[in-house]
C-alpha atoms as a PDB file:
ATOM      1  CA  UNK A   1      90.163  84.515 115.209  1.00  0.00           C
ATOM      2  CA  UNK A   2      87.745  84.597 118.157  1.00  0.00           C
ATOM      3  CA  UNK A   3      90.356  86.073 120.493  1.00  0.00           C
ATOM      4  CA  UNK A   4      91.475  88.697 117.951  1.00  0.00           C
ATOM      5  CA  UNK A   5      87.870  89.604 117.204  1.00  0.00           C
ATOM      6  CA  UNK A   6      87.184  90.096 120.908  1.00  0.00           C
ATOM      7  CA  UNK A   7      90.196  92.408 121.218  1.00  0.00           C
ATOM      8  CA  UNK A   8      89.089  94.514 118.277  1.00  0.00           C
ATOM      9  CA  UNK A   9      85.531  94.658 119.558  1.00  0.00           C
ATOM     10  CA  UNK A  10      86.744  95.930 122.927  1.00  0.00           C
ATOM     11  CA  UNK A  11      89.036  98.463 121.239  1.00  0.00           C
ATOM     12  CA  UNK A  12      86.095 100.098 119.492  1.00  0.00           C
ATOM     13  CA  UNK A  13      83.455  99.591 122.199  1.00  0.00           C
ATOM     14  CA  UNK A  14      81.316  98.675 119.215  1.00  0.00           C
ATOM     15  CA  UNK A  15      77.624  99.111 119.198  1.00  0.00           C
ATOM     16  CA  UNK A  16      75.295  96.982 117.081  1.00  0.00           C
ATOM     17  CA  UNK A  17      73.445  99.036 114.465  1.00  0.00           C
ATOM     18  CA  UNK A  18      71.999  96.147 112.471  1.00  0.00           C
ATOM     19  CA  UNK A  19      68.270  95.984 111.702  1.00  0.00           C
ATOM     20  CA  UNK A  20      65.794  94.102 109.516  1.00  0.00           C
ATOM     21  CA  UNK A  21      63.781  95.316 106.550  1.00  0.00           C
ATOM     22  CA  UNK A  22      61.421  92.959 104.726  1.00  0.00           C
ATOM     23  CA  UNK A  23      63.334  90.084 106.245  1.00  0.00           C
ATOM     24  CA  UNK A  24      66.660  91.297 104.831  1.00  0.00           C
ATOM     25  CA  UNK A  25      69.485  92.441 107.079  1.00  0.00           C
ATOM     26  CA  UNK A  26      70.291  96.110 106.768  1.00  0.00           C
ATOM     27  CA  UNK A  27      73.713  97.201 108.002  1.00  0.00           C
ATOM     28  CA  UNK A  28      74.162 100.821 109.047  1.00  0.00           C
ATOM     29  CA  UNK A  29      77.622 102.015 110.017  1.00  0.00           C
ATOM     30  CA  UNK A  30      81.283 101.554 109.125  1.00  0.00           C
ATOM     31  CA  UNK A  31      83.497  98.586 108.312  1.00  0.00           C
ATOM     32  CA  UNK A  32      87.234  99.150 108.759  1.00  0.00           C
ATOM     33  CA  UNK A  33      88.835  97.189 105.934  1.00  0.00           C
ATOM     34  CA  UNK A  34      92.484  96.183 105.651  1.00  0.00           C
ATOM     35  CA  UNK A  35      93.068  96.658 101.920  1.00  0.00           C
ATOM     36  CA  UNK A  36      95.784  94.539 100.380  1.00  0.00           C
ATOM     37  CA  UNK A  37      98.179  95.772  97.703  1.00  0.00           C
ATOM     38  CA  UNK A  38      96.811  95.292  94.176  1.00  0.00           C
ATOM     39  CA  UNK A  39      93.077  96.012  93.950  1.00  0.00           C
ATOM     40  CA  UNK A  40      91.621  99.497  93.599  1.00  0.00           C
ATOM     41  CA  UNK A  41      89.429 100.929  96.353  1.00  0.00           C
ATOM     42  CA  UNK A  42      86.448 100.434  94.021  1.00  0.00           C
ATOM     43  CA  UNK A  43      87.423  96.758  93.619  1.00  0.00           C
ATOM     44  CA  UNK A  44      87.359  96.375  97.410  1.00  0.00           C
ATOM     45  CA  UNK A  45      83.884  97.902  97.616  1.00  0.00           C
ATOM     46  CA  UNK A  46      82.637  95.596  94.852  1.00  0.00           C
ATOM     47  CA  UNK A  47      84.052  92.522  96.606  1.00  0.00           C
ATOM     48  CA  UNK A  48      82.528  93.680  99.880  1.00  0.00           C
ATOM     49  CA  UNK A  49      79.145  94.018  98.185  1.00  0.00           C
ATOM     50  CA  UNK A  50      79.442  90.424  96.964  1.00  0.00           C
ATOM     51  CA  UNK A  51      80.536  89.109 100.365  1.00  0.00           C
ATOM     52  CA  UNK A  52      77.706  90.843 102.210  1.00  0.00           C
ATOM     53  CA  UNK A  53      75.175  90.480  99.391  1.00  0.00           C
ATOM     54  CA  UNK A  54      74.416  94.142  99.979  1.00  0.00           C
ATOM     55  CA  UNK A  55      74.743  96.979  97.460  1.00  0.00           C
ATOM     56  CA  UNK A  56      74.580 100.121  99.586  1.00  0.00           C
ATOM     57  CA  UNK A  57      78.297 100.382 100.326  1.00  0.00           C
ATOM     58  CA  UNK A  58      80.850 103.137  99.690  1.00  0.00           C
ATOM     59  CA  UNK A  59      84.242 104.261 100.991  1.00  0.00           C
ATOM     60  CA  UNK A  60      85.557 107.496 102.504  1.00  0.00           C
ATOM     61  CA  UNK A  61      88.967 107.913 100.882  1.00  0.00           C
ATOM     62  CA  UNK A  62      90.697 106.255  97.942  1.00  0.00           C
ATOM     63  CA  UNK A  63      93.848 104.182  98.349  1.00  0.00           C
ATOM     64  CA  UNK A  64      96.038 103.706  95.277  1.00  0.00           C
ATOM     65  CA  UNK A  65      96.150 100.119  93.925  1.00  0.00           C
ATOM     66  CA  UNK A  66      99.811  99.719  94.928  1.00  0.00           C
ATOM     67  CA  UNK A  67      99.020 100.935  98.477  1.00  0.00           C
ATOM     68  CA  UNK A  68      97.674  98.888 101.377  1.00  0.00           C
ATOM     69  CA  UNK A  69      96.120  99.606 104.737  1.00  0.00           C
ATOM     70  CA  UNK A  70      93.046 101.169 106.301  1.00  0.00           C
ATOM     71  CA  UNK A  71      90.074 101.745 103.999  1.00  0.00           C
ATOM     72  CA  UNK A  72      86.961 102.984 105.817  1.00  0.00           C
ATOM     73  CA  UNK A  73      83.825 101.609 104.146  1.00  0.00           C
ATOM     74  CA  UNK A  74      80.298 102.857 104.864  1.00  0.00           C
ATOM     75  CA  UNK A  75      77.248 100.576 104.923  1.00  0.00           C
ATOM     76  CA  UNK A  76      73.572 101.470 104.570  1.00  0.00           C
ATOM     77  CA  UNK A  77      72.733 104.730 106.327  1.00  0.00           C
ATOM     78  CA  UNK A  78      76.438 104.987 107.094  1.00  0.00           C
ATOM     79  CA  UNK A  79      76.845 106.303 103.524  1.00  0.00           C
ATOM     80  CA  UNK A  80      74.990 109.421 104.674  1.00  0.00           C
ATOM     81  CA  UNK A  81      77.860 110.474 106.938  1.00  0.00           C
ATOM     82  CA  UNK A  82      80.687 110.139 104.387  1.00  0.00           C
ATOM     83  CA  UNK A  83      81.011 113.924 103.997  1.00  0.00           C
ATOM     84  CA  UNK A  84      81.499 114.319 107.746  1.00  0.00           C
ATOM     85  CA  UNK A  85      84.344 111.837 108.147  1.00  0.00           C
ATOM     86  CA  UNK A  86      86.419 112.420 105.002  1.00  0.00           C
ATOM     87  CA  UNK A  87      88.134 115.302 106.849  1.00  0.00           C
ATOM     88  CA  UNK A  88      89.734 112.860 109.303  1.00  0.00           C
ATOM     89  CA  UNK A  89      93.525 112.936 109.514  1.00  0.00           C
ATOM     90  CA  UNK A  90      95.378 110.037 107.957  1.00  0.00           C
ATOM     91  CA  UNK A  91      98.649 108.342 108.832  1.00  0.00           C
ATOM     92  CA  UNK A  92     100.962 106.510 106.432  1.00  0.00           C
ATOM     93  CA  UNK A  93     104.220 104.595 106.437  1.00  0.00           C
ATOM     94  CA  UNK A  94     106.111 104.936 103.162  1.00  0.00           C
ATOM     95  CA  UNK A  95     109.311 103.444 101.787  1.00  0.00           C
ATOM     96  CA  UNK A  96     111.088 105.844  99.430  1.00  0.00           C
ATOM     97  CA  UNK A  97     113.888 105.097  96.998  1.00  0.00           C
ATOM     98  CA  UNK A  98     116.278 107.979  96.331  1.00  0.00           C
ATOM     99  CA  UNK A  99     118.272 108.527  93.145  1.00  0.00           C
ATOM    100  CA  UNK A 100     115.571 107.932  90.530  1.00  0.00           C
ATOM    101  CA  UNK A 101     112.231 109.289  89.337  1.00  0.00           C
ATOM    102  CA  UNK A 102     109.286 107.462  87.772  1.00  0.00           C
ATOM    103  CA  UNK A 103     106.406 108.861  85.735  1.00  0.00           C
ATOM    104  CA  UNK A 104     103.854 107.727  88.341  1.00  0.00           C
ATOM    105  CA  UNK A 105     105.959 108.739  91.387  1.00  0.00           C
ATOM    106  CA  UNK A 106     105.805 105.114  92.581  1.00  0.00           C
ATOM    107  CA  UNK A 107     107.232 101.671  91.802  1.00  0.00           C
ATOM    108  CA  UNK A 108     104.435 100.903  89.336  1.00  0.00           C
ATOM    109  CA  UNK A 109     105.722 103.445  86.840  1.00  0.00           C
ATOM    110  CA  UNK A 110     108.538 103.740  84.340  1.00  0.00           C
ATOM    111  CA  UNK A 111     111.889 105.171  85.448  1.00  0.00           C
ATOM    112  CA  UNK A 112     112.241 108.459  83.599  1.00  0.00           C
ATOM    113  CA  UNK A 113     115.418 109.780  85.205  1.00  0.00           C
ATOM    114  CA  UNK A 114     118.387 108.422  87.142  1.00  0.00           C
ATOM    115  CA  UNK A 115     120.667 110.798  89.021  1.00  0.00           C
ATOM    116  CA  UNK A 116     124.040 109.204  88.248  1.00  0.00           C
ATOM    117  CA  UNK A 117     125.914 111.947  90.100  1.00  0.00           C
ATOM    118  CA  UNK A 118     124.422 110.658  93.373  1.00  0.00           C
ATOM    119  CA  UNK A 119     126.014 107.254  92.957  1.00  0.00           C
ATOM    120  CA  UNK A 120     129.649 106.270  93.567  1.00  0.00           C
ATOM    121  CA  UNK A 121     131.588 102.982  93.732  1.00  0.00           C
ATOM    122  CA  UNK A 122     130.445 102.404  97.299  1.00  0.00           C
ATOM    123  CA  UNK A 123     126.801 103.047  96.435  1.00  0.00           C
ATOM    124  CA  UNK A 124     124.416 105.962  96.911  1.00  0.00           C
ATOM    125  CA  UNK A 125     126.053 109.088  98.323  1.00  0.00           C
ATOM    126  CA  UNK A 126     124.058 111.527 100.461  1.00  0.00           C
ATOM    127  CA  UNK A 127     124.518 112.866 103.984  1.00  0.00           C
ATOM    128  CA  UNK A 128     121.892 111.544 106.400  1.00  0.00           C
ATOM    129  CA  UNK A 129     121.693 114.874 108.229  1.00  0.00           C
ATOM    130  CA  UNK A 130     120.747 116.540 104.937  1.00  0.00           C
ATOM    131  CA  UNK A 131     117.975 113.969 104.428  1.00  0.00           C
ATOM    132  CA  UNK A 132     116.729 114.677 107.947  1.00  0.00           C
ATOM    133  CA  UNK A 133     116.796 118.441 107.389  1.00  0.00           C
ATOM    134  CA  UNK A 134     114.896 118.261 104.084  1.00  0.00           C
ATOM    135  CA  UNK A 135     112.234 115.895 105.404  1.00  0.00           C
ATOM    136  CA  UNK A 136     111.722 118.081 108.491  1.00  0.00           C
ATOM    137  CA  UNK A 137     111.132 121.055 106.192  1.00  0.00           C
ATOM    138  CA  UNK A 138     107.860 119.520 104.962  1.00  0.00           C
ATOM    139  CA  UNK A 139     106.135 119.816 108.339  1.00  0.00           C
ATOM    140  CA  UNK A 140     103.197 122.225 108.371  1.00  0.00           C
ATOM    141  CA  UNK A 141     101.162 123.632 105.488  1.00  0.00           C
ATOM    142  CA  UNK A 142     102.667 123.002 102.065  1.00  0.00           C
ATOM    143  CA  UNK A 143     101.639 123.439  98.433  1.00  0.00           C
ATOM    144  CA  UNK A 144     101.503 120.187  96.541  1.00  0.00           C
ATOM    145  CA  UNK A 145     100.897 119.196  92.916  1.00  0.00           C
ATOM    146  CA  UNK A 146      98.902 115.939  92.619  1.00  0.00           C
ATOM    147  CA  UNK A 147     100.499 113.203  90.471  1.00  0.00           C
ATOM    148  CA  UNK A 148      99.465 113.151  86.816  1.00  0.00           C
ATOM    149  CA  UNK A 149      98.665 109.468  87.287  1.00  0.00           C
ATOM    150  CA  UNK A 150      95.744 110.014  89.660  1.00  0.00           C
ATOM    151  CA  UNK A 151      91.943 109.864  89.609  1.00  0.00           C
ATOM    152  CA  UNK A 152      91.486 113.627  90.016  1.00  0.00           C
ATOM    153  CA  UNK A 153      89.181 114.953  87.311  1.00  0.00           C
ATOM    154  CA  UNK A 154      90.119 117.684  84.838  1.00  0.00           C
ATOM    155  CA  UNK A 155      87.544 118.821  82.261  1.00  0.00           C
ATOM    156  CA  UNK A 156      85.461 115.721  82.912  1.00  0.00           C
ATOM    157  CA  UNK A 157      88.301 113.213  82.533  1.00  0.00           C
ATOM    158  CA  UNK A 158      90.577 111.601  85.092  1.00  0.00           C
ATOM    159  CA  UNK A 159      94.177 112.792  85.047  1.00  0.00           C
ATOM    160  CA  UNK A 160      95.583 109.324  84.418  1.00  0.00           C
ATOM    161  CA  UNK A 161      93.561 109.183  81.181  1.00  0.00           C
ATOM    162  CA  UNK A 162      95.402 112.251  79.900  1.00  0.00           C
ATOM    163  CA  UNK A 163      98.703 110.722  81.041  1.00  0.00           C
ATOM    164  CA  UNK A 164      98.036 107.482  79.150  1.00  0.00           C
ATOM    165  CA  UNK A 165      97.220 109.494  76.041  1.00  0.00           C
ATOM    166  CA  UNK A 166     100.514 111.358  76.402  1.00  0.00           C
ATOM    167  CA  UNK A 167      98.761 114.706  76.824  1.00  0.00           C
ATOM    168  CA  UNK A 168     100.137 117.404  79.102  1.00  0.00           C
ATOM    169  CA  UNK A 169      97.803 118.929  81.662  1.00  0.00           C
ATOM    170  CA  UNK A 170      98.588 121.909  83.858  1.00  0.00           C
ATOM    171  CA  UNK A 171      97.572 120.777  87.333  1.00  0.00           C
ATOM    172  CA  UNK A 172      96.857 123.360  90.011  1.00  0.00           C
ATOM    173  CA  UNK A 173      98.747 123.110  93.273  1.00  0.00           C
ATOM    174  CA  UNK A 174      96.799 122.349  96.434  1.00  0.00           C
ATOM    175  CA  UNK A 175      97.451 123.431  99.995  1.00  0.00           C
ATOM    176  CA  UNK A 176      97.671 120.457 102.375  1.00  0.00           C
ATOM    177  CA  UNK A 177      98.950 120.065 105.901  1.00  0.00           C
ATOM    178  CA  UNK A 178     101.630 117.670 107.105  1.00  0.00           C
ATOM    179  CA  UNK A 179     100.864 117.404 110.809  1.00  0.00           C
ATOM    180  CA  UNK A 180     103.984 115.349 111.443  1.00  0.00           C
ATOM    181  CA  UNK A 181     106.656 113.563 109.436  1.00  0.00           C
ATOM    182  CA  UNK A 182     109.434 111.444 110.865  1.00  0.00           C
ATOM    183  CA  UNK A 183     112.163 109.172 109.582  1.00  0.00           C
ATOM    184  CA  UNK A 184     111.812 105.586 110.784  1.00  0.00           C
ATOM    185  CA  UNK A 185     114.913 104.173 109.087  1.00  0.00           C
ATOM    186  CA  UNK A 186     117.581 105.071 106.557  1.00  0.00           C
ATOM    187  CA  UNK A 187     119.384 102.413 104.521  1.00  0.00           C
ATOM    188  CA  UNK A 188     120.492 104.269 101.424  1.00  0.00           C
ATOM    189  CA  UNK A 189     119.177 104.579  98.844  1.00  0.00           C
ATOM    190  CA  UNK A 190     116.012 103.720 100.835  1.00  0.00           C
ATOM    191  CA  UNK A 191     114.292 105.876 103.468  1.00  0.00           C
ATOM    192  CA  UNK A 192     111.273 104.844 105.563  1.00  0.00           C
ATOM    193  CA  UNK A 193     109.026 107.657 106.818  1.00  0.00           C
ATOM    194  CA  UNK A 194     105.836 107.994 108.862  1.00  0.00           C
ATOM    195  CA  UNK A 195     103.481 110.800 107.864  1.00  0.00           C
ATOM    196  CA  UNK A 196     100.390 112.194 109.596  1.00  0.00           C
ATOM    197  CA  UNK A 197      98.520 114.526 107.276  1.00  0.00           C
ATOM    198  CA  UNK A 198      95.289 116.217 106.224  1.00  0.00           C
ATOM    199  CA  UNK A 199      92.723 115.013 103.736  1.00  0.00           C
ATOM    200  CA  UNK A 200      93.840 115.338 100.109  1.00  0.00           C
ATOM    201  CA  UNK A 201      97.567 114.814 100.739  1.00  0.00           C
ATOM    202  CA  UNK A 202      99.320 112.695  98.106  1.00  0.00           C
ATOM    203  CA  UNK A 203     102.191 110.765  99.651  1.00  0.00           C
ATOM    204  CA  UNK A 204     103.473 109.984  96.155  1.00  0.00           C
ATOM    205  CA  UNK A 205     103.800 113.718  95.508  1.00  0.00           C
ATOM    206  CA  UNK A 206     105.426 114.170  98.912  1.00  0.00           C
ATOM    207  CA  UNK A 207     108.037 111.534  98.021  1.00  0.00           C
ATOM    208  CA  UNK A 208     108.648 113.196  94.656  1.00  0.00           C
ATOM    209  CA  UNK A 209     109.022 116.619  96.299  1.00  0.00           C
ATOM    210  CA  UNK A 210     111.451 115.253  98.908  1.00  0.00           C
ATOM    211  CA  UNK A 211     113.618 113.852  96.116  1.00  0.00           C
ATOM    212  CA  UNK A 212     113.427 117.118  94.179  1.00  0.00           C
ATOM    213  CA  UNK A 213     114.476 119.167  97.210  1.00  0.00           C
ATOM    214  CA  UNK A 214     117.339 116.761  97.917  1.00  0.00           C
ATOM    215  CA  UNK A 215     118.424 117.100  94.296  1.00  0.00           C
ATOM    216  CA  UNK A 216     118.496 113.368  93.727  1.00  0.00           C
ATOM    217  CA  UNK A 217     114.970 112.396  92.728  1.00  0.00           C
ATOM    218  CA  UNK A 218     112.790 109.855  94.566  1.00  0.00           C
ATOM    219  CA  UNK A 219     109.758 107.613  94.231  1.00  0.00           C
ATOM    220  CA  UNK A 220     107.661 105.400  96.519  1.00  0.00           C
ATOM    221  CA  UNK A 221     108.500 101.712  96.764  1.00  0.00           C
ATOM    222  CA  UNK A 222     105.606 100.940  99.100  1.00  0.00           C
ATOM    223  CA  UNK A 223     102.848 102.731 100.981  1.00  0.00           C
ATOM    224  CA  UNK A 224     100.628 101.628 103.859  1.00  0.00           C
ATOM    225  CA  UNK A 225      97.861 103.707 105.416  1.00  0.00           C
ATOM    226  CA  UNK A 226      98.092 102.883 109.104  1.00  0.00           C
ATOM    227  CA  UNK A 227      95.362 105.128 110.490  1.00  0.00           C
ATOM    228  CA  UNK A 228      92.227 107.034 109.428  1.00  0.00           C
ATOM    229  CA  UNK A 229      90.736 109.220 112.151  1.00  0.00           C
ATOM    230  CA  UNK A 230      90.409 107.029 115.275  1.00  0.00           C
ATOM    231  CA  UNK A 231      90.748 103.735 113.358  1.00  0.00           C
ATOM    232  CA  UNK A 232      94.130 101.996 113.178  1.00  0.00           C
ATOM    233  CA  UNK A 233      95.486  99.195 111.007  1.00  0.00           C
ATOM    234  CA  UNK A 234      95.468  96.783 113.950  1.00  0.00           C
ATOM    235  CA  UNK A 235      91.715  97.290 114.231  1.00  0.00           C
ATOM    236  CA  UNK A 236      90.955  96.591 110.562  1.00  0.00           C
ATOM    237  CA  UNK A 237      89.789  93.383 108.859  1.00  0.00           C
ATOM    238  CA  UNK A 238      90.834  91.800 105.570  1.00  0.00           C
ATOM    239  CA  UNK A 239      88.118  90.812 103.111  1.00  0.00           C
ATOM    240  CA  UNK A 240      88.802  87.134 103.878  1.00  0.00           C
ATOM    241  CA  UNK A 241      88.341  87.795 107.600  1.00  0.00           C
ATOM    242  CA  UNK A 242      85.106  89.702 106.931  1.00  0.00           C
ATOM    243  CA  UNK A 243      83.795  86.818 104.840  1.00  0.00           C
ATOM    244  CA  UNK A 244      84.552  84.354 107.646  1.00  0.00           C
ATOM    245  CA  UNK A 245      82.986  86.591 110.311  1.00  0.00           C
ATOM    246  CA  UNK A 246      79.897  87.015 108.146  1.00  0.00           C
ATOM    247  CA  UNK A 247      79.610  83.227 107.643  1.00  0.00           C
ATOM    248  CA  UNK A 248      79.847  82.818 111.429  1.00  0.00           C
ATOM    249  CA  UNK A 249      76.919  85.227 111.853  1.00  0.00           C
ATOM    250  CA  UNK A 250      79.031  87.727 113.807  1.00  0.00           C
ATOM    251  CA  UNK A 251      79.136  90.609 111.358  1.00  0.00           C
ATOM    252  CA  UNK A 252      77.236  92.853 113.752  1.00  0.00           C
ATOM    253  CA  UNK A 253      80.218  92.676 116.121  1.00  0.00           C
ATOM    254  CA  UNK A 254      82.563  94.474 113.706  1.00  0.00           C
ATOM    255  CA  UNK A 255      80.188  97.098 112.273  1.00  0.00           C
ATOM    256  CA  UNK A 256      81.013 100.455 113.866  1.00  0.00           C
ATOM    257  CA  UNK A 257      77.850 102.455 114.504  1.00  0.00           C
ATOM    258  CA  UNK A 258      77.404 105.986 113.203  1.00  0.00           C
ATOM    259  CA  UNK A 259      77.094 107.114 116.822  1.00  0.00           C
ATOM    260  CA  UNK A 260      80.524 105.679 117.604  1.00  0.00           C
ATOM    261  CA  UNK A 261      82.061 107.173 114.465  1.00  0.00           C
ATOM    262  CA  UNK A 262      80.789 110.673 115.305  1.00  0.00           C
ATOM    263  CA  UNK A 263      81.059 110.491 119.087  1.00  0.00           C
ATOM    264  CA  UNK A 264      83.495 113.413 119.243  1.00  0.00           C
ATOM    265  CA  UNK A 265      80.963 115.870 117.799  1.00  0.00           C
ATOM    266  CA  UNK A 266      78.756 117.917 120.157  1.00  0.00           C
ATOM    267  CA  UNK A 267      75.142 116.777 120.203  1.00  0.00           C
ATOM    268  CA  UNK A 268      71.684 118.162 120.850  1.00  0.00           C
ATOM    269  CA  UNK A 269      69.224 115.711 122.350  1.00  0.00           C
ATOM    270  CA  UNK A 270      65.605 116.144 121.253  1.00  0.00           C
ATOM    271  CA  UNK A 271      62.351 114.660 122.516  1.00  0.00           C
ATOM    272  CA  UNK A 272      60.719 111.868 120.516  1.00  0.00           C
ATOM    273  CA  UNK A 273      57.867 114.079 119.332  1.00  0.00           C
ATOM    274  CA  UNK A 274      60.385 116.098 117.299  1.00  0.00           C
ATOM    275  CA  UNK A 275      61.437 113.184 115.105  1.00  0.00           C
ATOM    276  CA  UNK A 276      58.786 114.057 112.505  1.00  0.00           C
ATOM    277  CA  UNK A 277      60.050 117.658 112.325  1.00  0.00           C
ATOM    278  CA  UNK A 278      63.622 116.448 111.889  1.00  0.00           C
ATOM    279  CA  UNK A 279      62.704 113.862 109.261  1.00  0.00           C
ATOM    280  CA  UNK A 280      61.187 116.665 107.171  1.00  0.00           C
ATOM    281  CA  UNK A 281      63.932 119.205 107.888  1.00  0.00           C
ATOM    282  CA  UNK A 282      61.754 121.594 109.847  1.00  0.00           C
ATOM    283  CA  UNK A 283      63.310 124.339 111.977  1.00  0.00           C
ATOM    284  CA  UNK A 284      64.357 123.428 115.501  1.00  0.00           C
ATOM    285  CA  UNK A 285      64.197 125.947 118.313  1.00  0.00           C
ATOM    286  CA  UNK A 286      65.551 125.973 121.847  1.00  0.00           C
ATOM    287  CA  UNK A 287      62.244 124.722 123.239  1.00  0.00           C
ATOM    288  CA  UNK A 288      62.666 121.538 121.157  1.00  0.00           C
ATOM    289  CA  UNK A 289      65.979 120.617 122.840  1.00  0.00           C
ATOM    290  CA  UNK A 290      66.060 118.407 125.928  1.00  0.00           C
ATOM    291  CA  UNK A 291      69.777 118.600 126.650  1.00  0.00           C
ATOM    292  CA  UNK A 292      73.184 119.508 125.218  1.00  0.00           C
ATOM    293  CA  UNK A 293      76.146 117.113 125.153  1.00  0.00           C
ATOM    294  CA  UNK A 294      79.494 118.964 124.925  1.00  0.00           C
ATOM    295  CA  UNK A 295      79.882 122.704 124.471  1.00  0.00           C
ATOM    296  CA  UNK A 296      80.048 124.137 120.964  1.00  0.00           C
ATOM    297  CA  UNK A 297      80.512 127.449 119.159  1.00  0.00           C
ATOM    298  CA  UNK A 298      78.445 129.080 116.467  1.00  0.00           C
ATOM    299  CA  UNK A 299      78.879 127.329 113.074  1.00  0.00           C
ATOM    300  CA  UNK A 300      80.300 124.184 114.683  1.00  0.00           C
ATOM    301  CA  UNK A 301      79.283 120.783 113.335  1.00  0.00           C
ATOM    302  CA  UNK A 302      76.720 119.179 115.668  1.00  0.00           C
ATOM    303  CA  UNK A 303      74.495 116.103 115.627  1.00  0.00           C
ATOM    304  CA  UNK A 304      70.858 115.721 116.652  1.00  0.00           C
ATOM    305  CA  UNK A 305      70.092 112.641 118.731  1.00  0.00           C
ATOM    306  CA  UNK A 306      67.020 111.087 120.285  1.00  0.00           C
ATOM    307  CA  UNK A 307      66.817 110.096 123.950  1.00  0.00           C
ATOM    308  CA  UNK A 308      68.415 106.699 123.282  1.00  0.00           C
ATOM    309  CA  UNK A 309      71.463 108.301 121.643  1.00  0.00           C
ATOM    310  CA  UNK A 310      70.552 107.431 118.048  1.00  0.00           C
ATOM    311  CA  UNK A 311      71.649 110.005 115.443  1.00  0.00           C
ATOM    312  CA  UNK A 312      68.765 111.696 113.629  1.00  0.00           C
ATOM    313  CA  UNK A 313      70.547 114.437 111.685  1.00  0.00           C
ATOM    314  CA  UNK A 314      73.837 116.286 111.288  1.00  0.00           C
ATOM    315  CA  UNK A 315      74.252 119.991 110.685  1.00  0.00           C
ATOM    316  CA  UNK A 316      75.654 123.343 111.716  1.00  0.00           C
ATOM    317  CA  UNK A 317      74.869 125.227 114.900  1.00  0.00           C
ATOM    318  CA  UNK A 318      73.438 128.713 114.394  1.00  0.00           C
ATOM    319  CA  UNK A 319      74.238 129.704 117.982  1.00  0.00           C
ATOM    320  CA  UNK A 320      76.827 128.672 120.564  1.00  0.00           C
ATOM    321  CA  UNK A 321      75.904 126.379 123.436  1.00  0.00           C
ATOM    322  CA  UNK A 322      76.158 129.400 125.747  1.00  0.00           C
ATOM    323  CA  UNK A 323      73.637 131.353 123.663  1.00  0.00           C
ATOM    324  CA  UNK A 324      70.786 128.866 123.930  1.00  0.00           C
ATOM    325  CA  UNK A 325      68.303 131.065 125.734  1.00  0.00           C
ATOM    326  CA  UNK A 326      65.773 132.536 123.298  1.00  0.00           C
ATOM    327  CA  UNK A 327      63.146 129.794 122.968  1.00  0.00           C
ATOM    328  CA  UNK A 328      61.931 131.091 119.602  1.00  0.00           C
ATOM    329  CA  UNK A 329      65.354 131.314 117.969  1.00  0.00           C
ATOM    330  CA  UNK A 330      66.237 128.778 115.248  1.00  0.00           C
ATOM    331  CA  UNK A 331      69.415 127.044 116.395  1.00  0.00           C
ATOM    332  CA  UNK A 332      70.274 124.439 113.756  1.00  0.00           C
ATOM    333  CA  UNK A 333      70.940 124.298 110.001  1.00  0.00           C
ATOM    334  CA  UNK A 334      70.462 120.842 108.481  1.00  0.00           C
ATOM    335  CA  UNK A 335      73.250 119.330 106.410  1.00  0.00           C
ATOM    336  CA  UNK A 336      72.107 115.708 106.387  1.00  0.00           C
ATOM    337  CA  UNK A 337      69.037 113.960 107.775  1.00  0.00           C
ATOM    338  CA  UNK A 338      69.825 110.368 108.771  1.00  0.00           C
ATOM    339  CA  UNK A 339      66.620 109.132 110.384  1.00  0.00           C
END
């Protein structure tokens, strides 16, 4: 455990963001959890709250109960940056079974159709080059219909509630982006794929659509999220490991600071006397800025930091980094104050 923990700590270059308030430890930042198959994402958060004896915890992107892998959880002030990290790309490895469809698009559902014409005495019949061609066709922007068995809300109710009641709901298609999709292995009727995609992509729907385009139906046997933004599965921790690390008093070593999580965003460094203005969302002008870290364009997402590098606020630039010249011009629109 100690050796593995050291490796993960070095991989993140973690920075301690743990403080004290009224004698109680306050954790601000991210915990990269390795969710096991079975519990919901909400279950994981609840268990994490019990382990840490700390209530201010959320997550940045739901994983289906039957799925496993990286679940990014936010602690304390880390919950304030959820909206800025949910756009991170995600990577999955999925095992698909061809030849059948289920009502949930995964192995947890009921088989609703079997394509007998795709089976022969020797087993499942389909050319591998056709599978390759169809899967390749999903690269880029695509329109996707979310599964009926999902937590998306429609008229105040979750879609799976309508599905359980046997009610039909017309679900709008969504545009998502498949950055890359590749076949890892084919052993018919099973196909293993790796997918890198945008926020909001349903891999269950992708599997269903692949089967539909092949003309043989398909559903997911298993799904593992292997990466969220910069955080990979190898860098994540199971709940049991987190409990042990917490009992050893080393929790601060695996909490990823907000500064680390948002290090790729441009930043404006302000003098300490401006903290009061920032805390109350007052306008910032060029004269309030000490330095600029990384160039940016107008309307880019930027962070405000103090001289020590601590994040004070996150927002939108009203000018580009090249246009910072007029000392009286307001240069920043607040989206979230963190300090």
